[in-house]
Amino acid sequence: MANRITIANNFMFGRVLCQEDICRGFLERVLGTEVGAVSYLNREQVLQPLATARGVRLDVYAETALGVIDVEMQANPHADLGRRLRYYQSCIDSGLLNFGASWRELRDSYIIFACDFDWPGAGLPVYTFDRLCRENPALAAETGSTWMVLNARAAALEPDPELRNLLEYLRSGSVAPDDKLVSAMDAEVSTANEDRKWVGSVMTVEDLLREAHADARVAGLAEGRAEGLAEGRAEGLAEGRAEGLTEGRAEGRVEGRVEGLTEGRTEGIARMASLAAKLAEEGRAADALTIMADPATAEALLQEYGL
C-alpha cells in the first residue's frame, strides 16, 4: 500500500497502543510483570503543571494497578531524552497528589521511551534507570519512579524471545510467527492504514515538518549557520534568525515567517509549515495533526507563536 504508515510513527504508535488489550500486553512484555486492570487509557494526554509552564503531550498514558505509565515512541535521536525524561516525570507527578495528601500516596510511575536508536550508546536492547547513590551505587533512592529506554536496533541481543519479537517489530515491522501481541499490533496498523483520510492528515503534517526543516537548512546556509545546516536542527535556524535581526533583517524575518526564507511560497503554507515545526520542536506533534482539520485551532496556535 502506498504511503503506508508503520508502528514507528508516533501518531500510529499512539493509535495502536490505545487498544486496551494491546496496551496491557505491551506493558507487561516490557516491564516483565503483570500490570493488572487498566482503569484509564488515553492517547495524547496533555499535562501542564502551570499556566505559564511548558506543557507536554504524552503519546500513551495509562493508569494501571501497577502505577501510572507513560509510553513514548521516539525516532528522533536529537531529542534531549535525559532532560525530557526529567521534565515528563515532574509533569506526571504534579497531577498525582491532591492538596494535603501524604507523600505515601504518590503512586508509582513508569516512563517508557521506545527508540529506533541507541540513545545511551552502550549497545543494550533495554536500559532501566533508577536513582543510585554516586558514592555507593548499591544504594538506590526509593522514589517509586522508573525510566526505561528501549533500543529497537539491538533487538537481536535481547534474551527474552517475546520482548525480542516486540523490539524487532518496532524496528523493522516484521511479525514473528505465532506472536499474538505483535500480530494484533500489526493488524491494527493495517486497519489504521485503511483509513485514508487519517493517513492523509498524518502525511500532510509530516510534509509540513519536512518542508520547515528544509527551510531551516536553507536559511542556515544563507546566513552562514554551518552548524545549523549540518545538524538540521531547529535551533540552528533560531540562531540564524537572531543573527539576521542584528544585521537588520526585514519585518517578515522578525515575525519568523517561513515565507521569507523560501522565496516564493504563499504566506498560508509558510505559516503552517513554521507552526508545524514549532509544535514538533516542543513535543506537540499531535497538535500539528489537529490543525489540519480545525482552522480555529490552527489560528489560535499561530497567534500563540506570533506567526
Protein backbone atom coordinates (compact mmCIF):
# COMPACT_ATOMS: atom_id res chain seq x y z
CA MET A 1 0.00 0.00 0.00
CA ALA A 2 1.34 3.41 -0.99
CA ASN A 3 2.12 5.81 1.84
CA ARG A 4 1.83 3.08 4.46
CA ILE A 5 2.46 4.36 7.98
CA THR A 6 4.37 2.00 10.27
CA ILE A 7 4.28 1.44 14.01
CA ALA A 8 7.43 3.59 14.32
CA ASN A 9 5.35 6.69 13.54
CA ASN A 10 4.33 8.31 16.84
CA PHE A 11 0.77 9.00 15.60
CA MET A 12 0.36 5.35 14.61
CA PHE A 13 2.04 4.15 17.80
CA GLY A 14 -0.41 6.11 19.95
CA ARG A 15 -3.40 4.91 17.95
CA VAL A 16 -2.40 1.24 18.21
CA LEU A 17 -1.46 1.29 21.89
CA CYS A 18 -4.72 2.88 22.89
CA GLN A 19 -6.32 -0.51 22.26
CA GLU A 20 -6.55 -1.70 25.86
CA ASP A 21 -5.59 -5.35 25.30
CA ILE A 22 -2.62 -4.35 23.15
CA CYS A 23 -1.52 -1.73 25.67
CA ARG A 24 -1.66 -4.22 28.53
CA GLY A 25 0.26 -6.80 26.54
CA PHE A 26 2.89 -4.27 25.51
CA LEU A 27 3.40 -3.02 29.07
CA GLU A 28 3.60 -6.48 30.60
CA ARG A 29 6.11 -7.59 27.99
CA VAL A 30 8.34 -4.54 28.52
CA LEU A 31 8.04 -4.39 32.31
CA GLY A 32 8.21 -8.15 32.79
CA THR A 33 5.29 -8.22 35.20
CA GLU A 34 1.51 -8.07 35.25
CA VAL A 35 0.10 -4.55 35.25
CA GLY A 36 -3.41 -5.53 36.28
CA ALA A 37 -6.51 -3.64 35.21
CA VAL A 38 -6.16 -0.52 33.09
CA SER A 39 -8.60 1.95 34.64
CA TYR A 40 -7.73 4.86 32.36
CA LEU A 41 -6.11 4.89 28.95
CA ASN A 42 -5.62 7.98 26.87
CA ARG A 43 -3.78 8.95 23.72
CA GLU A 44 -2.24 12.41 23.60
CA GLN A 45 -2.67 13.13 27.32
CA VAL A 46 -1.87 16.80 27.90
CA LEU A 47 -0.10 17.81 31.12
CA GLN A 48 0.65 21.42 32.01
CA PRO A 49 1.52 21.96 35.68
CA LEU A 50 1.28 25.78 35.46
CA ALA A 51 -0.47 28.10 33.04
CA THR A 52 2.85 29.71 32.19
CA ALA A 53 4.84 26.44 32.08
CA ARG A 54 5.62 24.38 29.02
CA GLY A 55 3.10 21.58 28.68
CA VAL A 56 3.75 18.07 27.41
CA ARG A 57 1.61 15.79 25.29
CA LEU A 58 2.12 12.12 26.09
CA ASP A 59 1.76 9.56 23.29
CA VAL A 60 0.08 7.00 25.55
CA TYR A 61 -0.89 7.47 29.20
CA ALA A 62 -2.30 4.59 31.25
CA GLU A 63 -3.40 4.24 34.84
CA THR A 64 -2.96 0.66 36.00
CA ALA A 65 -2.94 -1.32 39.21
CA LEU A 66 0.86 -1.26 38.97
CA GLY A 67 1.01 2.55 38.70
CA VAL A 68 0.72 5.29 36.10
CA ILE A 69 2.60 4.63 32.87
CA ASP A 70 3.65 6.91 30.02
CA VAL A 71 4.84 5.34 26.74
CA GLU A 72 6.51 7.40 24.00
CA MET A 73 7.63 6.46 20.50
CA GLN A 74 10.84 8.32 19.67
CA ALA A 75 12.52 8.19 16.27
CA ASN A 76 14.48 11.45 16.51
CA PRO A 77 17.94 10.93 18.05
CA HIS A 78 18.29 14.68 18.74
CA ALA A 79 15.60 14.75 21.40
CA ASP A 80 17.46 15.51 24.67
CA LEU A 81 15.93 12.38 26.15
CA GLY A 82 17.52 12.73 29.58
CA ARG A 83 16.03 16.15 30.21
CA ARG A 84 12.76 15.13 28.60
CA LEU A 85 12.51 12.18 30.98
CA ARG A 86 13.14 14.51 33.90
CA TYR A 87 10.51 17.03 32.77
CA TYR A 88 7.91 14.40 31.88
CA GLN A 89 8.38 12.90 35.33
CA SER A 90 7.78 16.25 37.01
CA CYS A 91 4.66 16.92 34.93
CA ILE A 92 3.23 13.48 35.68
CA ASP A 93 3.97 13.75 39.41
CA SER A 94 2.38 17.19 39.65
CA GLY A 95 -1.04 15.67 38.98
CA LEU A 96 -0.81 12.65 41.27
CA LEU A 97 -1.21 14.22 44.71
CA ASN A 98 -4.07 16.33 45.97
CA PHE A 99 -3.50 19.21 48.36
CA GLY A 100 -2.69 17.92 51.85
CA ALA A 101 -2.15 14.33 50.72
CA SER A 102 0.58 12.19 52.28
CA TRP A 103 3.77 11.53 50.34
CA ARG A 104 3.00 7.84 50.74
CA GLU A 105 0.01 8.34 48.47
CA LEU A 106 2.20 9.29 45.49
CA ARG A 107 1.64 6.47 43.04
CA ASP A 108 4.41 4.53 41.36
CA SER A 109 5.15 5.69 37.84
CA TYR A 110 6.90 4.38 34.76
CA ILE A 111 8.10 6.27 31.69
CA ILE A 112 8.98 4.14 28.67
CA PHE A 113 10.66 5.55 25.56
CA ALA A 114 10.59 3.19 22.58
CA CYS A 115 13.50 4.32 20.40
CA ASP A 116 14.80 3.35 16.98
CA PHE A 117 18.28 4.44 18.02
CA ASP A 118 20.70 3.75 20.85
CA TRP A 119 20.46 6.87 23.00
CA PRO A 120 22.84 5.80 25.84
CA GLY A 121 25.19 4.24 23.27
CA ALA A 122 26.09 1.07 25.17
CA GLY A 123 24.50 -1.35 22.68
CA LEU A 124 21.88 -2.72 25.08
CA PRO A 125 18.33 -3.53 23.94
CA VAL A 126 16.79 -2.20 27.17
CA TYR A 127 18.03 0.44 29.63
CA THR A 128 16.36 0.83 33.02
CA PHE A 129 17.27 3.88 35.08
CA ASP A 130 16.94 4.21 38.85
CA ARG A 131 18.28 6.88 41.21
CA LEU A 132 21.53 5.42 42.54
CA CYS A 133 23.88 6.84 45.14
CA ARG A 134 27.02 8.14 43.47
CA GLU A 135 29.21 7.29 46.47
CA ASN A 136 27.71 3.81 46.84
CA PRO A 137 25.88 2.54 43.74
CA ALA A 138 24.50 -0.35 45.76
CA LEU A 139 22.18 2.19 47.39
CA ALA A 140 19.13 3.47 45.50
CA ALA A 141 16.63 6.16 46.42
CA GLU A 142 13.18 4.60 46.65
CA THR A 143 11.33 7.16 44.55
CA GLY A 144 8.70 4.84 43.10
CA SER A 145 9.60 6.04 39.61
CA THR A 146 11.23 4.01 36.85
CA TRP A 147 12.56 5.15 33.48
CA MET A 148 13.05 2.68 30.64
CA VAL A 149 14.54 3.28 27.20
CA LEU A 150 14.07 0.60 24.54
CA ASN A 151 16.69 0.35 21.79
CA ALA A 152 14.99 -1.43 18.89
CA ARG A 153 18.26 -1.51 16.93
CA ALA A 154 19.66 -4.02 19.43
CA ALA A 155 16.64 -6.34 19.24
CA ALA A 156 18.81 -9.33 18.33
CA LEU A 157 20.66 -9.03 21.66
CA GLU A 158 17.52 -9.26 23.81
CA PRO A 159 17.49 -12.67 25.56
CA ASP A 160 13.74 -12.76 26.18
CA PRO A 161 12.16 -14.04 22.92
CA GLU A 162 8.86 -12.21 23.37
CA LEU A 163 10.49 -8.85 24.06
CA ARG A 164 12.89 -9.53 21.20
CA ASN A 165 9.91 -10.05 18.87
CA LEU A 166 8.41 -6.77 20.02
CA LEU A 167 11.63 -4.80 19.54
CA GLU A 168 12.14 -6.31 16.10
CA TYR A 169 8.62 -5.29 15.12
CA LEU A 170 9.24 -1.73 16.29
CA ARG A 171 12.47 -1.73 14.28
CA SER A 172 11.51 -3.39 11.01
CA GLY A 173 7.80 -4.19 11.09
CA SER A 174 8.48 -7.93 10.88
CA VAL A 175 5.90 -10.12 12.61
CA ALA A 176 7.23 -13.21 14.39
CA PRO A 177 5.17 -16.37 13.74
CA ASP A 178 2.63 -17.21 16.44
CA ASP A 179 3.27 -13.98 18.40
CA LYS A 180 -0.27 -12.91 19.25
CA LEU A 181 0.63 -9.48 20.61
CA VAL A 182 2.76 -8.44 17.65
CA SER A 183 0.18 -9.88 15.24
CA ALA A 184 -2.56 -7.87 16.94
CA MET A 185 -0.44 -4.70 16.74
CA ASP A 186 0.21 -5.28 13.04
CA ALA A 187 -3.48 -5.87 12.39
CA GLU A 188 -4.28 -2.51 14.00
CA VAL A 189 -1.60 -0.86 11.86
CA SER A 190 -3.22 -2.32 8.74
CA THR A 191 -6.67 -1.17 9.85
CA ALA A 192 -5.40 2.35 10.51
CA ASN A 193 -3.76 2.47 7.08
CA GLU A 194 -7.14 1.71 5.51
CA ASP A 195 -8.41 5.00 6.98
CA ARG A 196 -7.06 7.07 4.10
CA LYS A 197 -8.39 10.36 5.49
CA TRP A 198 -6.39 9.85 8.68
CA VAL A 199 -3.34 8.72 6.73
CA GLY A 200 -3.62 11.80 4.52
CA SER A 201 -3.69 14.08 7.56
CA VAL A 202 -0.61 12.43 9.04
CA MET A 203 1.24 12.64 5.74
CA THR A 204 0.34 16.30 5.32
CA VAL A 205 1.67 17.16 8.77
CA GLU A 206 4.90 15.26 8.12
CA ASP A 207 5.31 17.00 4.75
CA LEU A 208 4.97 20.36 6.51
CA LEU A 209 7.57 19.33 9.07
CA ARG A 210 10.00 18.21 6.39
CA GLU A 211 9.38 21.44 4.48
CA ALA A 212 10.01 23.56 7.55
CA HIS A 213 13.18 21.67 8.39
CA ALA A 214 14.38 22.03 4.81
CA ASP A 215 13.73 25.77 5.04
CA ALA A 216 15.75 25.85 8.24
CA ARG A 217 18.70 24.29 6.44
CA VAL A 218 18.46 26.78 3.57
CA ALA A 219 18.24 29.70 5.96
CA GLY A 220 21.17 28.37 7.98
CA LEU A 221 23.29 28.16 4.84
CA ALA A 222 22.26 31.59 3.57
CA GLU A 223 23.07 33.19 6.90
CA GLY A 224 26.32 31.35 7.44
CA ARG A 225 24.99 28.99 10.09
CA ALA A 226 27.02 25.93 9.05
CA GLU A 227 26.24 24.07 12.27
CA GLY A 228 22.51 24.53 11.82
CA LEU A 229 22.75 23.19 8.27
CA ALA A 230 24.95 20.21 9.18
CA GLU A 231 22.79 19.05 12.07
CA GLY A 232 19.45 20.10 10.61
CA ARG A 233 18.44 21.48 13.99
CA ALA A 234 15.67 23.93 14.59
CA GLU A 235 17.93 25.84 16.96
CA GLY A 236 20.29 26.44 14.06
CA LEU A 237 17.51 28.35 12.33
CA ALA A 238 16.69 30.21 15.53
CA GLU A 239 20.32 31.30 15.87
CA GLY A 240 20.34 32.29 12.22
CA ARG A 241 17.28 34.42 12.70
CA ALA A 242 18.81 36.11 15.72
CA GLU A 243 21.93 36.91 13.71
CA GLY A 244 19.73 38.21 10.90
CA LEU A 245 17.99 40.54 13.31
CA THR A 246 21.28 42.08 14.33
CA GLU A 247 22.01 42.70 10.67
CA GLY A 248 18.73 44.50 10.09
CA ARG A 249 16.54 41.78 8.58
CA ALA A 250 13.10 42.75 7.32
CA GLU A 251 9.98 42.69 9.45
CA GLY A 252 8.95 39.38 7.90
CA ARG A 253 12.10 37.81 9.39
CA VAL A 254 11.34 39.44 12.73
CA GLU A 255 7.99 37.71 12.70
CA GLY A 256 9.73 34.43 11.90
CA ARG A 257 7.69 33.84 8.77
CA VAL A 258 8.81 30.84 6.79
CA GLU A 259 7.70 32.53 3.54
CA GLY A 260 10.62 34.96 3.74
CA LEU A 261 13.03 32.03 3.85
CA THR A 262 11.56 30.01 0.99
CA GLU A 263 11.30 32.87 -1.59
CA GLY A 264 8.01 32.34 -3.28
CA ARG A 265 5.88 30.18 -1.01
CA THR A 266 2.49 31.56 -0.15
CA GLU A 267 2.04 33.07 3.28
CA GLY A 268 -0.55 30.48 4.31
CA ILE A 269 1.66 27.45 3.55
CA ALA A 270 4.70 29.10 5.09
CA ARG A 271 2.91 29.96 8.32
CA MET A 272 1.55 26.42 8.64
CA ALA A 273 4.97 24.91 7.97
CA SER A 274 6.54 27.17 10.57
CA LEU A 275 3.82 26.33 13.06
CA ALA A 276 4.20 22.58 12.45
CA ALA A 277 7.93 22.86 13.05
CA LYS A 278 7.42 24.82 16.27
CA LEU A 279 4.92 22.28 17.58
CA ALA A 280 7.18 19.34 16.78
CA GLU A 281 10.11 21.16 18.35
CA GLU A 282 8.17 21.48 21.62
CA GLY A 283 6.88 17.91 21.73
CA ARG A 284 3.42 18.92 20.49
CA ALA A 285 3.39 16.97 17.23
CA ALA A 286 -0.17 15.80 17.88
CA ASP A 287 -1.33 19.43 17.76
CA ALA A 288 0.20 19.62 14.30
CA LEU A 289 -2.19 16.88 13.22
CA THR A 290 -5.15 18.68 14.78
CA ILE A 291 -4.58 21.92 12.88
CA MET A 292 -5.17 20.21 9.55
CA ALA A 293 -8.84 19.66 10.39
CA ASP A 294 -9.51 22.61 12.70
CA PRO A 295 -8.78 26.08 11.27
CA ALA A 296 -9.83 27.75 14.53
CA THR A 297 -7.23 25.78 16.48
CA ALA A 298 -4.65 26.49 13.80
CA GLU A 299 -5.27 30.24 14.01
CA ALA A 300 -5.12 30.21 17.80
CA LEU A 301 -1.77 28.41 17.72
CA LEU A 302 -0.44 30.79 15.06
CA GLN A 303 -1.34 33.68 17.35
CA GLU A 304 0.25 31.87 20.33
CA TYR A 305 3.57 31.60 18.48
CA GLY A 306 3.33 35.01 16.86
CA LEU A 307 3.40 33.55 13.33
